[in-house]
Amino acid sequence: MQGAGGLPPAVQALAQADFSAVAQLFSDAGFTVALPAPGMLQVRKPGEGRASVAVSVGVHGDETGPIEVLAHLLDALSRDAPALAVDLLVCVGNVDAIRAGKRFIDADLNRMFRPVRGSLAQAAESARADEMIAATKAFFDAAGPERWHLDLHTAIRPSVYPTFAIVPDLVADAAKAQLVDWLGQAAIGAIIMNPQSAGTYSYYSAEHFGAAASTVELGRVGTLGQNDLSLFDDVARALDGLLRGLPAQALKAQPHVFKVAQEIIKHSDEFRMAFDRSTQNFTSLPQHAVIASDGDHVYTVQHAEELVVFPNPDVRVGLRAGLMVVRVS
């Protein structure tokens, strides 16, 4: 069955931040259901001490694959509602950008999760970030010790590792091990351990609410309704298992682990990267190679080898324009 515009109804509803149908099914099954803000659904089973799992998609409006994956998964789960074994928060991030088919309206929403926003404070996304923070705080404030946040994305650039994840270093060791194991079940090829926030949603959840949180990159951006969902089979299966409380599955991948060697910050409009826009994520650069220049300052590779991730010279001044990472395992 197709809805308006040729989209399956479940995908269309999620993309439009309409949780009415799945909310009713969970409510009919005896769950406590809330819609704390547009594009957000909270489902709880009172008094059972369950794990609390937040899943977010669409923080960038053009990253549509995870929207489709979650829509189908949530639709199926709501029709088998008693199988939901966790307390669940679903967040569709930049709803306005999704509707417009754009990455963002005024500024990158995934740089808004910081105490001081500076020039970002007047952007449309600033108010949306406040709604997301409030709903996430309310969800985790009522949660037990087992807390997850999986923020599902797709990348602008091609990548040596088609799927990879960024995990905040500050996640507690036991929870981090459990998260890394889940990422392996989801066939994630690489993990970057990140020592500091760039204002991302997942880092905020880890830092402020103690969640085992990760930004999970699942391939390339695509047009809503035109994604090859078979490419998401492994992560869909792993996520469905997490939400249903199924036993851990065999690892689909043994992720390579990296740590951040340096952040590349854009300090002025003179910022220029030393490679073109075809450069893939995890492209290797040798020691002393130039990464970028910014006026009189030149960023160079400090280790025998560093790999570039998320190179983006178009970010606003003051924001991170890329990461350089080194492999640790």
C-alpha atoms as a PDB file:
ATOM      1  CA  MET A   1       0.000   0.000   0.000  1.00  0.00           C
ATOM      2  CA  GLN A   2       1.290   3.460  -0.899  1.00  0.00           C
ATOM      3  CA  GLY A   3       0.305   6.766   0.649  1.00  0.00           C
ATOM      4  CA  ALA A   4       0.390  10.238  -0.869  1.00  0.00           C
ATOM      5  CA  GLY A   5       3.490  10.839  -2.941  1.00  0.00           C
ATOM      6  CA  GLY A   6       4.068   7.098  -3.340  1.00  0.00           C
ATOM      7  CA  LEU A   7       5.424   6.628   0.191  1.00  0.00           C
ATOM      8  CA  PRO A   8       4.272   3.743   2.394  1.00  0.00           C
ATOM      9  CA  PRO A   9       1.838   5.173   4.980  1.00  0.00           C
ATOM     10  CA  ALA A  10       4.149   4.313   7.896  1.00  0.00           C
ATOM     11  CA  VAL A  11       7.056   6.193   6.297  1.00  0.00           C
ATOM     12  CA  GLN A  12       4.887   9.153   5.378  1.00  0.00           C
ATOM     13  CA  ALA A  13       3.523   9.376   8.931  1.00  0.00           C
ATOM     14  CA  LEU A  14       6.941   9.250  10.592  1.00  0.00           C
ATOM     15  CA  ALA A  15       8.425  11.762   8.143  1.00  0.00           C
ATOM     16  CA  GLN A  16       5.546  14.106   8.954  1.00  0.00           C
ATOM     17  CA  ALA A  17       6.067  13.534  12.699  1.00  0.00           C
ATOM     18  CA  ASP A  18       2.627  11.923  12.999  1.00  0.00           C
ATOM     19  CA  PHE A  19       2.670   9.242  15.707  1.00  0.00           C
ATOM     20  CA  SER A  20      -1.105   9.050  16.164  1.00  0.00           C
ATOM     21  CA  ALA A  21      -1.579   5.522  14.783  1.00  0.00           C
ATOM     22  CA  VAL A  22       1.314   3.820  16.584  1.00  0.00           C
ATOM     23  CA  ALA A  23       0.604   5.776  19.776  1.00  0.00           C
ATOM     24  CA  GLN A  24      -2.958   4.436  19.817  1.00  0.00           C
ATOM     25  CA  LEU A  25      -1.799   0.851  19.314  1.00  0.00           C
ATOM     26  CA  PHE A  26       0.691   1.051  22.187  1.00  0.00           C
ATOM     27  CA  SER A  27      -1.900   2.727  24.395  1.00  0.00           C
ATOM     28  CA  ASP A  28      -4.469   0.028  23.579  1.00  0.00           C
ATOM     29  CA  ALA A  29      -1.884  -2.567  24.668  1.00  0.00           C
ATOM     30  CA  GLY A  30      -1.621  -1.020  28.143  1.00  0.00           C
ATOM     31  CA  PHE A  31       1.452   1.176  27.745  1.00  0.00           C
ATOM     32  CA  THR A  32       1.660   4.725  29.043  1.00  0.00           C
ATOM     33  CA  VAL A  33       2.076   6.853  25.937  1.00  0.00           C
ATOM     34  CA  ALA A  34       2.992  10.532  25.637  1.00  0.00           C
ATOM     35  CA  LEU A  35       3.701  12.914  22.786  1.00  0.00           C
ATOM     36  CA  PRO A  36       5.958  15.428  24.577  1.00  0.00           C
ATOM     37  CA  ALA A  37       6.584  17.611  21.506  1.00  0.00           C
ATOM     38  CA  PRO A  38       5.985  17.432  17.762  1.00  0.00           C
ATOM     39  CA  GLY A  39       7.836  14.465  16.278  1.00  0.00           C
ATOM     40  CA  MET A  40       8.392  12.761  19.625  1.00  0.00           C
ATOM     41  CA  LEU A  41       6.816   9.620  21.039  1.00  0.00           C
ATOM     42  CA  GLN A  42       7.360   8.196  24.515  1.00  0.00           C
ATOM     43  CA  VAL A  43       6.152   4.690  25.413  1.00  0.00           C
ATOM     44  CA  ARG A  44       6.509   3.283  28.926  1.00  0.00           C
ATOM     45  CA  LYS A  45       5.364   0.257  30.896  1.00  0.00           C
ATOM     46  CA  PRO A  46       4.857   1.500  34.470  1.00  0.00           C
ATOM     47  CA  GLY A  47       6.738  -0.106  37.322  1.00  0.00           C
ATOM     48  CA  GLU A  48       8.845  -2.660  35.522  1.00  0.00           C
ATOM     49  CA  GLY A  49      12.426  -1.299  35.766  1.00  0.00           C
ATOM     50  CA  ARG A  50      13.029  -1.722  32.059  1.00  0.00           C
ATOM     51  CA  ALA A  51      15.923  -0.436  29.989  1.00  0.00           C
ATOM     52  CA  SER A  52      15.284   3.019  28.510  1.00  0.00           C
ATOM     53  CA  VAL A  53      16.118   3.434  24.824  1.00  0.00           C
ATOM     54  CA  ALA A  54      16.000   6.681  22.846  1.00  0.00           C
ATOM     55  CA  VAL A  55      16.161   6.384  19.054  1.00  0.00           C
ATOM     56  CA  SER A  56      16.462   9.507  16.922  1.00  0.00           C
ATOM     57  CA  VAL A  57      16.370  10.011  13.165  1.00  0.00           C
ATOM     58  CA  GLY A  58      16.179  12.999  10.855  1.00  0.00           C
ATOM     59  CA  VAL A  59      18.410  15.296  12.890  1.00  0.00           C
ATOM     60  CA  HIS A  60      19.583  16.217   9.397  1.00  0.00           C
ATOM     61  CA  GLY A  61      16.574  16.480   7.120  1.00  0.00           C
ATOM     62  CA  ASP A  62      18.241  14.905   4.060  1.00  0.00           C
ATOM     63  CA  GLU A  63      19.306  11.736   5.898  1.00  0.00           C
ATOM     64  CA  THR A  64      16.237   9.753   4.999  1.00  0.00           C
ATOM     65  CA  GLY A  65      17.303   6.101   5.094  1.00  0.00           C
ATOM     66  CA  PRO A  66      17.052   5.795   8.892  1.00  0.00           C
ATOM     67  CA  ILE A  67      13.628   7.483   8.778  1.00  0.00           C
ATOM     68  CA  GLU A  68      12.345   4.723   6.502  1.00  0.00           C
ATOM     69  CA  VAL A  69      13.984   1.962   8.552  1.00  0.00           C
ATOM     70  CA  LEU A  70      12.549   3.218  11.836  1.00  0.00           C
ATOM     71  CA  ALA A  71       9.117   3.812  10.316  1.00  0.00           C
ATOM     72  CA  HIS A  72       8.782   0.198   9.170  1.00  0.00           C
ATOM     73  CA  LEU A  73      10.241  -1.163  12.404  1.00  0.00           C
ATOM     74  CA  LEU A  74       7.977   0.963  14.627  1.00  0.00           C
ATOM     75  CA  ASP A  75       4.917   0.128  12.539  1.00  0.00           C
ATOM     76  CA  ALA A  76       5.558  -3.610  12.903  1.00  0.00           C
ATOM     77  CA  LEU A  77       6.343  -3.337  16.606  1.00  0.00           C
ATOM     78  CA  SER A  78       3.211  -1.305  17.358  1.00  0.00           C
ATOM     79  CA  ARG A  79       1.132  -4.090  15.782  1.00  0.00           C
ATOM     80  CA  ASP A  80       2.830  -6.531  18.164  1.00  0.00           C
ATOM     81  CA  ALA A  81       2.945  -4.024  21.023  1.00  0.00           C
ATOM     82  CA  PRO A  82       3.344  -6.461  23.964  1.00  0.00           C
ATOM     83  CA  ALA A  83       6.727  -7.439  22.466  1.00  0.00           C
ATOM     84  CA  LEU A  84       8.195  -4.007  23.294  1.00  0.00           C
ATOM     85  CA  ALA A  85      10.604  -4.862  26.129  1.00  0.00           C
ATOM     86  CA  VAL A  86      12.047  -1.402  26.826  1.00  0.00           C
ATOM     87  CA  ASP A  87      10.804   2.062  27.624  1.00  0.00           C
ATOM     88  CA  LEU A  88      11.119   3.946  24.350  1.00  0.00           C
ATOM     89  CA  LEU A  89      11.610   7.518  23.210  1.00  0.00           C
ATOM     90  CA  VAL A  90      11.447   8.125  19.455  1.00  0.00           C
ATOM     91  CA  CYS A  91      12.532  11.512  18.169  1.00  0.00           C
ATOM     92  CA  VAL A  92      12.223  12.778  14.604  1.00  0.00           C
ATOM     93  CA  GLY A  93      14.721  15.622  14.693  1.00  0.00           C
ATOM     94  CA  ASN A  94      14.505  18.403  12.124  1.00  0.00           C
ATOM     95  CA  VAL A  95      10.903  17.971  11.040  1.00  0.00           C
ATOM     96  CA  ASP A  96      10.798  21.220   9.044  1.00  0.00           C
ATOM     97  CA  ALA A  97      13.944  20.300   7.106  1.00  0.00           C
ATOM     98  CA  ILE A  98      12.576  16.818   6.352  1.00  0.00           C
ATOM     99  CA  ARG A  99       9.417  18.379   4.929  1.00  0.00           C
ATOM    100  CA  ALA A 100      11.508  20.795   2.854  1.00  0.00           C
ATOM    101  CA  GLY A 101      13.852  18.043   1.636  1.00  0.00           C
ATOM    102  CA  LYS A 102      16.826  19.986   3.002  1.00  0.00           C
ATOM    103  CA  ARG A 103      19.637  19.245   5.433  1.00  0.00           C
ATOM    104  CA  PHE A 104      18.574  22.110   7.701  1.00  0.00           C
ATOM    105  CA  ILE A 105      16.547  25.327   7.617  1.00  0.00           C
ATOM    106  CA  ASP A 106      18.946  27.886   9.126  1.00  0.00           C
ATOM    107  CA  ALA A 107      21.797  25.904  10.699  1.00  0.00           C
ATOM    108  CA  ASP A 108      22.946  22.389  11.567  1.00  0.00           C
ATOM    109  CA  LEU A 109      20.680  21.054  14.335  1.00  0.00           C
ATOM    110  CA  ASN A 110      23.403  18.615  15.389  1.00  0.00           C
ATOM    111  CA  ARG A 111      25.570  21.498  16.624  1.00  0.00           C
ATOM    112  CA  MET A 112      22.872  22.967  18.894  1.00  0.00           C
ATOM    113  CA  PHE A 113      23.276  20.670  21.905  1.00  0.00           C
ATOM    114  CA  ARG A 114      25.638  22.957  23.808  1.00  0.00           C
ATOM    115  CA  PRO A 115      25.227  25.430  26.679  1.00  0.00           C
ATOM    116  CA  VAL A 116      26.295  28.463  24.614  1.00  0.00           C
ATOM    117  CA  ARG A 117      25.125  28.643  21.000  1.00  0.00           C
ATOM    118  CA  GLY A 118      26.589  31.988  19.980  1.00  0.00           C
ATOM    119  CA  SER A 119      25.601  32.852  16.409  1.00  0.00           C
ATOM    120  CA  LEU A 120      23.464  29.687  16.257  1.00  0.00           C
ATOM    121  CA  ALA A 121      21.072  30.962  18.921  1.00  0.00           C
ATOM    122  CA  GLN A 122      18.828  32.773  16.432  1.00  0.00           C
ATOM    123  CA  ALA A 123      18.498  29.842  14.042  1.00  0.00           C
ATOM    124  CA  ALA A 124      15.194  28.024  13.677  1.00  0.00           C
ATOM    125  CA  GLU A 125      16.938  24.861  14.839  1.00  0.00           C
ATOM    126  CA  SER A 126      17.772  26.413  18.212  1.00  0.00           C
ATOM    127  CA  ALA A 127      14.157  26.220  19.387  1.00  0.00           C
ATOM    128  CA  ARG A 128      13.869  22.659  18.078  1.00  0.00           C
ATOM    129  CA  ALA A 129      16.977  21.633  20.014  1.00  0.00           C
ATOM    130  CA  ASP A 130      15.385  23.033  23.188  1.00  0.00           C
ATOM    131  CA  GLU A 131      12.296  20.859  22.609  1.00  0.00           C
ATOM    132  CA  MET A 132      14.454  17.790  22.049  1.00  0.00           C
ATOM    133  CA  ILE A 133      16.546  18.472  25.163  1.00  0.00           C
ATOM    134  CA  ALA A 134      13.449  18.905  27.318  1.00  0.00           C
ATOM    135  CA  ALA A 135      11.833  15.685  26.075  1.00  0.00           C
ATOM    136  CA  THR A 136      15.070  13.721  26.426  1.00  0.00           C
ATOM    137  CA  LYS A 137      15.624  15.031  29.953  1.00  0.00           C
ATOM    138  CA  ALA A 138      12.087  14.092  30.999  1.00  0.00           C
ATOM    139  CA  PHE A 139      12.549  10.612  29.535  1.00  0.00           C
ATOM    140  CA  PHE A 140      15.890   9.852  31.172  1.00  0.00           C
ATOM    141  CA  ASP A 141      15.021  11.553  34.481  1.00  0.00           C
ATOM    142  CA  ALA A 142      12.442   8.800  34.974  1.00  0.00           C
ATOM    143  CA  ALA A 143      14.748   6.041  33.699  1.00  0.00           C
ATOM    144  CA  GLY A 144      16.618   3.281  35.472  1.00  0.00           C
ATOM    145  CA  PRO A 145      20.355   2.679  35.169  1.00  0.00           C
ATOM    146  CA  GLU A 146      20.293   1.058  31.703  1.00  0.00           C
ATOM    147  CA  ARG A 147      20.050   3.931  29.240  1.00  0.00           C
ATOM    148  CA  TRP A 148      20.659   3.973  25.496  1.00  0.00           C
ATOM    149  CA  HIS A 149      20.549   6.640  22.821  1.00  0.00           C
ATOM    150  CA  LEU A 150      21.074   5.667  19.186  1.00  0.00           C
ATOM    151  CA  ASP A 151      21.100   8.693  16.862  1.00  0.00           C
ATOM    152  CA  LEU A 152      20.851   7.290  13.339  1.00  0.00           C
ATOM    153  CA  HIS A 153      22.362   9.229  10.438  1.00  0.00           C
ATOM    154  CA  THR A 154      23.685   8.846   6.909  1.00  0.00           C
ATOM    155  CA  ALA A 155      26.783  10.645   5.635  1.00  0.00           C
ATOM    156  CA  ILE A 156      27.214  13.298   2.943  1.00  0.00           C
ATOM    157  CA  ARG A 157      30.446  11.767   1.632  1.00  0.00           C
ATOM    158  CA  PRO A 158      31.345   8.231   0.607  1.00  0.00           C
ATOM    159  CA  SER A 159      33.397   6.374   3.184  1.00  0.00           C
ATOM    160  CA  VAL A 160      36.097   3.732   3.333  1.00  0.00           C
ATOM    161  CA  TYR A 161      33.867   2.245   6.057  1.00  0.00           C
ATOM    162  CA  PRO A 162      30.291   2.489   4.689  1.00  0.00           C
ATOM    163  CA  THR A 163      28.940   2.288   8.244  1.00  0.00           C
ATOM    164  CA  PHE A 164      30.609   3.745  11.316  1.00  0.00           C
ATOM    165  CA  ALA A 165      29.781   5.166  14.726  1.00  0.00           C
ATOM    166  CA  ILE A 166      30.984   7.924  17.022  1.00  0.00           C
ATOM    167  CA  VAL A 167      30.907   7.023  20.724  1.00  0.00           C
ATOM    168  CA  PRO A 168      31.611   9.549  23.496  1.00  0.00           C
ATOM    169  CA  ASP A 169      34.631   8.511  25.547  1.00  0.00           C
ATOM    170  CA  LEU A 170      32.814   9.439  28.749  1.00  0.00           C
ATOM    171  CA  VAL A 171      30.277   6.586  28.444  1.00  0.00           C
ATOM    172  CA  ALA A 172      30.849   4.274  31.428  1.00  0.00           C
ATOM    173  CA  ASP A 173      33.027   1.259  30.633  1.00  0.00           C
ATOM    174  CA  ALA A 174      30.400  -1.456  31.131  1.00  0.00           C
ATOM    175  CA  ALA A 175      27.786   0.417  29.131  1.00  0.00           C
ATOM    176  CA  LYS A 176      30.369   1.229  26.455  1.00  0.00           C
ATOM    177  CA  ALA A 177      31.260  -2.456  26.087  1.00  0.00           C
ATOM    178  CA  GLN A 178      27.583  -3.336  25.706  1.00  0.00           C
ATOM    179  CA  LEU A 179      27.137  -0.569  23.120  1.00  0.00           C
ATOM    180  CA  VAL A 180      30.204  -1.631  21.138  1.00  0.00           C
ATOM    181  CA  ASP A 181      28.898  -5.207  21.125  1.00  0.00           C
ATOM    182  CA  TRP A 182      25.545  -3.993  19.769  1.00  0.00           C
ATOM    183  CA  LEU A 183      27.323  -1.988  17.062  1.00  0.00           C
ATOM    184  CA  GLY A 184      29.130  -5.166  16.036  1.00  0.00           C
ATOM    185  CA  GLN A 185      25.797  -6.987  15.821  1.00  0.00           C
ATOM    186  CA  ALA A 186      24.593  -4.165  13.573  1.00  0.00           C
ATOM    187  CA  ALA A 187      27.608  -4.695  11.241  1.00  0.00           C
ATOM    188  CA  ILE A 188      29.113  -1.289  11.967  1.00  0.00           C
ATOM    189  CA  GLY A 189      32.593  -1.268  10.441  1.00  0.00           C
ATOM    190  CA  ALA A 190      34.362   1.376  12.515  1.00  0.00           C
ATOM    191  CA  ILE A 191      33.968   3.163  15.840  1.00  0.00           C
ATOM    192  CA  ILE A 192      35.469   6.534  16.728  1.00  0.00           C
ATOM    193  CA  MET A 193      35.934   7.198  20.432  1.00  0.00           C
ATOM    194  CA  ASN A 194      35.313  10.911  20.827  1.00  0.00           C
ATOM    195  CA  PRO A 195      36.818  12.821  23.787  1.00  0.00           C
ATOM    196  CA  GLN A 196      34.778  16.023  23.549  1.00  0.00           C
ATOM    197  CA  SER A 197      31.474  17.371  22.342  1.00  0.00           C
ATOM    198  CA  ALA A 198      30.886  19.242  19.106  1.00  0.00           C
ATOM    199  CA  GLY A 199      27.337  20.009  20.212  1.00  0.00           C
ATOM    200  CA  THR A 200      25.827  16.746  18.979  1.00  0.00           C
ATOM    201  CA  TYR A 201      22.634  15.176  20.275  1.00  0.00           C
ATOM    202  CA  SER A 202      24.189  11.835  21.181  1.00  0.00           C
ATOM    203  CA  TYR A 203      27.080  13.401  23.096  1.00  0.00           C
ATOM    204  CA  TYR A 204      24.584  15.516  25.043  1.00  0.00           C
ATOM    205  CA  SER A 205      22.658  12.395  26.092  1.00  0.00           C
ATOM    206  CA  ALA A 206      25.850  10.696  27.240  1.00  0.00           C
ATOM    207  CA  GLU A 207      27.187  13.717  29.105  1.00  0.00           C
ATOM    208  CA  HIS A 208      24.016  14.893  30.812  1.00  0.00           C
ATOM    209  CA  PHE A 209      21.921  11.744  31.220  1.00  0.00           C
ATOM    210  CA  GLY A 210      24.470   8.921  31.439  1.00  0.00           C
ATOM    211  CA  ALA A 211      23.222   7.206  28.286  1.00  0.00           C
ATOM    212  CA  ALA A 212      25.247   4.718  26.285  1.00  0.00           C
ATOM    213  CA  ALA A 213      24.930   6.978  23.282  1.00  0.00           C
ATOM    214  CA  SER A 214      26.244   6.930  19.740  1.00  0.00           C
ATOM    215  CA  THR A 215      25.919   8.772  16.468  1.00  0.00           C
ATOM    216  CA  VAL A 216      25.577   5.909  13.970  1.00  0.00           C
ATOM    217  CA  GLU A 217      26.345   6.610  10.289  1.00  0.00           C
ATOM    218  CA  LEU A 218      24.553   4.160   7.999  1.00  0.00           C
ATOM    219  CA  GLY A 219      25.695   4.898   4.479  1.00  0.00           C
ATOM    220  CA  ARG A 220      24.841   7.828   2.207  1.00  0.00           C
ATOM    221  CA  VAL A 221      22.127  10.472   2.122  1.00  0.00           C
ATOM    222  CA  GLY A 222      19.202   9.684  -0.172  1.00  0.00           C
ATOM    223  CA  THR A 223      15.742  10.767  -1.271  1.00  0.00           C
ATOM    224  CA  LEU A 224      12.854   9.743   0.960  1.00  0.00           C
ATOM    225  CA  GLY A 225      11.155   6.683  -0.497  1.00  0.00           C
ATOM    226  CA  GLN A 226      14.056   5.855  -2.805  1.00  0.00           C
ATOM    227  CA  ASN A 227      16.503   4.274  -0.355  1.00  0.00           C
ATOM    228  CA  ASP A 228      17.634   0.672  -0.826  1.00  0.00           C
ATOM    229  CA  LEU A 229      16.453  -0.632   2.526  1.00  0.00           C
ATOM    230  CA  SER A 230      18.314  -3.921   2.076  1.00  0.00           C
ATOM    231  CA  LEU A 231      21.466  -1.947   2.893  1.00  0.00           C
ATOM    232  CA  PHE A 232      20.031  -1.350   6.373  1.00  0.00           C
ATOM    233  CA  ASP A 233      19.051  -4.959   7.135  1.00  0.00           C
ATOM    234  CA  ASP A 234      21.728  -5.571   9.760  1.00  0.00           C
ATOM    235  CA  VAL A 235      21.066  -2.429  11.778  1.00  0.00           C
ATOM    236  CA  ALA A 236      17.301  -2.899  11.472  1.00  0.00           C
ATOM    237  CA  ARG A 237      17.603  -6.445  12.824  1.00  0.00           C
ATOM    238  CA  ALA A 238      19.869  -5.345  15.679  1.00  0.00           C
ATOM    239  CA  LEU A 239      17.619  -2.433  16.623  1.00  0.00           C
ATOM    240  CA  ASP A 240      14.511  -4.604  16.519  1.00  0.00           C
ATOM    241  CA  GLY A 241      16.253  -7.113  18.790  1.00  0.00           C
ATOM    242  CA  LEU A 242      17.222  -4.382  21.257  1.00  0.00           C
ATOM    243  CA  LEU A 243      13.670  -3.042  21.466  1.00  0.00           C
ATOM    244  CA  ARG A 244      12.178  -6.517  21.833  1.00  0.00           C
ATOM    245  CA  GLY A 245      14.755  -7.607  24.432  1.00  0.00           C
ATOM    246  CA  LEU A 246      15.942 -10.536  22.323  1.00  0.00           C
ATOM    247  CA  PRO A 247      19.172 -12.387  23.123  1.00  0.00           C
ATOM    248  CA  ALA A 248      22.309 -10.879  21.627  1.00  0.00           C
ATOM    249  CA  GLN A 249      23.066 -12.083  18.127  1.00  0.00           C
ATOM    250  CA  ALA A 250      26.422 -13.102  16.684  1.00  0.00           C
ATOM    251  CA  LEU A 251      28.603 -10.181  15.632  1.00  0.00           C
ATOM    252  CA  LYS A 252      28.187  -9.226  11.982  1.00  0.00           C
ATOM    253  CA  ALA A 253      31.427  -7.212  12.154  1.00  0.00           C
ATOM    254  CA  GLN A 254      34.362  -6.671  14.476  1.00  0.00           C
ATOM    255  CA  PRO A 255      34.538  -2.889  14.265  1.00  0.00           C
ATOM    256  CA  HIS A 256      37.909  -1.191  13.911  1.00  0.00           C
ATOM    257  CA  VAL A 257      38.337   1.311  16.738  1.00  0.00           C
ATOM    258  CA  PHE A 258      39.751   4.797  16.294  1.00  0.00           C
ATOM    259  CA  LYS A 259      40.398   7.722  18.597  1.00  0.00           C
ATOM    260  CA  VAL A 260      40.310  11.405  17.758  1.00  0.00           C
ATOM    261  CA  ALA A 261      43.785  12.830  17.122  1.00  0.00           C
ATOM    262  CA  GLN A 262      42.692  16.413  16.479  1.00  0.00           C
ATOM    263  CA  GLU A 263      39.651  18.509  15.674  1.00  0.00           C
ATOM    264  CA  ILE A 264      39.796  20.846  12.706  1.00  0.00           C
ATOM    265  CA  ILE A 265      38.019  24.064  13.687  1.00  0.00           C
ATOM    266  CA  LYS A 266      37.052  26.724  11.165  1.00  0.00           C
ATOM    267  CA  HIS A 267      38.146  30.023  12.718  1.00  0.00           C
ATOM    268  CA  SER A 268      37.593  32.369   9.765  1.00  0.00           C
ATOM    269  CA  ASP A 269      36.209  32.696   6.258  1.00  0.00           C
ATOM    270  CA  GLU A 270      39.757  32.144   4.991  1.00  0.00           C
ATOM    271  CA  PHE A 271      39.486  28.468   5.937  1.00  0.00           C
ATOM    272  CA  ARG A 272      40.467  26.126   3.107  1.00  0.00           C
ATOM    273  CA  MET A 273      40.852  22.353   3.111  1.00  0.00           C
ATOM    274  CA  ALA A 274      43.800  20.797   1.275  1.00  0.00           C
ATOM    275  CA  PHE A 275      41.699  18.188  -0.558  1.00  0.00           C
ATOM    276  CA  ASP A 276      38.600  18.297  -2.722  1.00  0.00           C
ATOM    277  CA  ARG A 277      35.001  17.344  -2.052  1.00  0.00           C
ATOM    278  CA  SER A 278      35.440  13.845  -3.473  1.00  0.00           C
ATOM    279  CA  THR A 279      37.643  12.858  -0.510  1.00  0.00           C
ATOM    280  CA  GLN A 280      36.114   9.913   1.351  1.00  0.00           C
ATOM    281  CA  ASN A 281      35.664   9.610   5.090  1.00  0.00           C
ATOM    282  CA  PHE A 282      38.606   7.671   6.582  1.00  0.00           C
ATOM    283  CA  THR A 283      40.999   8.740   3.825  1.00  0.00           C
ATOM    284  CA  SER A 284      44.539   8.258   5.130  1.00  0.00           C
ATOM    285  CA  LEU A 285      47.032  11.132   5.223  1.00  0.00           C
ATOM    286  CA  PRO A 286      50.748  10.773   6.096  1.00  0.00           C
ATOM    287  CA  GLN A 287      52.628  12.639   8.805  1.00  0.00           C
ATOM    288  CA  HIS A 288      53.219  16.352   8.067  1.00  0.00           C
ATOM    289  CA  ALA A 289      50.628  16.402   5.266  1.00  0.00           C
ATOM    290  CA  VAL A 290      48.590  19.614   5.167  1.00  0.00           C
ATOM    291  CA  ILE A 291      44.972  19.144   6.209  1.00  0.00           C
ATOM    292  CA  ALA A 292      43.692  22.710   6.022  1.00  0.00           C
ATOM    293  CA  SER A 293      44.764  26.330   6.260  1.00  0.00           C
ATOM    294  CA  ASP A 294      42.975  29.114   8.079  1.00  0.00           C
ATOM    295  CA  GLY A 295      44.693  32.429   7.556  1.00  0.00           C
ATOM    296  CA  ASP A 296      48.176  32.091   9.018  1.00  0.00           C
ATOM    297  CA  HIS A 297      47.345  28.810  10.789  1.00  0.00           C
ATOM    298  CA  VAL A 298      48.015  25.512   9.000  1.00  0.00           C
ATOM    299  CA  TYR A 299      46.639  22.187  10.237  1.00  0.00           C
ATOM    300  CA  THR A 300      48.994  19.262   9.561  1.00  0.00           C
ATOM    301  CA  VAL A 301      49.032  15.543  10.348  1.00  0.00           C
ATOM    302  CA  GLN A 302      50.813  14.967  13.673  1.00  0.00           C
ATOM    303  CA  HIS A 303      51.011  11.163  13.767  1.00  0.00           C
ATOM    304  CA  ALA A 304      52.568   8.677  11.349  1.00  0.00           C
ATOM    305  CA  GLU A 305      49.100   8.346   9.834  1.00  0.00           C
ATOM    306  CA  GLU A 306      45.807  10.114  10.460  1.00  0.00           C
ATOM    307  CA  LEU A 307      42.482   9.567   8.721  1.00  0.00           C
ATOM    308  CA  VAL A 308      40.070  12.364   7.929  1.00  0.00           C
ATOM    309  CA  VAL A 309      36.395  12.093   8.888  1.00  0.00           C
ATOM    310  CA  PHE A 310      33.547  14.556   8.241  1.00  0.00           C
ATOM    311  CA  PRO A 311      35.605  17.093   6.252  1.00  0.00           C
ATOM    312  CA  ASN A 312      33.243  20.001   5.592  1.00  0.00           C
ATOM    313  CA  PRO A 313      34.669  23.453   4.792  1.00  0.00           C
ATOM    314  CA  ASP A 314      31.143  24.894   4.557  1.00  0.00           C
ATOM    315  CA  VAL A 315      30.403  24.876   8.294  1.00  0.00           C
ATOM    316  CA  ARG A 316      29.944  28.177  10.106  1.00  0.00           C
ATOM    317  CA  VAL A 317      32.953  29.947  11.570  1.00  0.00           C
ATOM    318  CA  GLY A 318      33.669  28.580  15.033  1.00  0.00           C
ATOM    319  CA  LEU A 319      32.418  25.072  14.324  1.00  0.00           C
ATOM    320  CA  ARG A 320      34.219  21.801  13.664  1.00  0.00           C
ATOM    321  CA  ALA A 321      35.110  21.319   9.992  1.00  0.00           C
ATOM    322  CA  GLY A 322      36.469  17.797  10.380  1.00  0.00           C
ATOM    323  CA  LEU A 323      38.056  15.172  12.579  1.00  0.00           C
ATOM    324  CA  MET A 324      41.448  13.509  12.259  1.00  0.00           C
ATOM    325  CA  VAL A 325      41.544  10.025  13.793  1.00  0.00           C
ATOM    326  CA  VAL A 326      44.107   7.293  14.440  1.00  0.00           C
ATOM    327  CA  ARG A 327      43.398   3.572  14.654  1.00  0.00           C
ATOM    328  CA  VAL A 328      43.860   1.943  18.067  1.00  0.00           C
ATOM    329  CA  SER A 329      42.480  -1.551  17.411  1.00  0.00           C
END
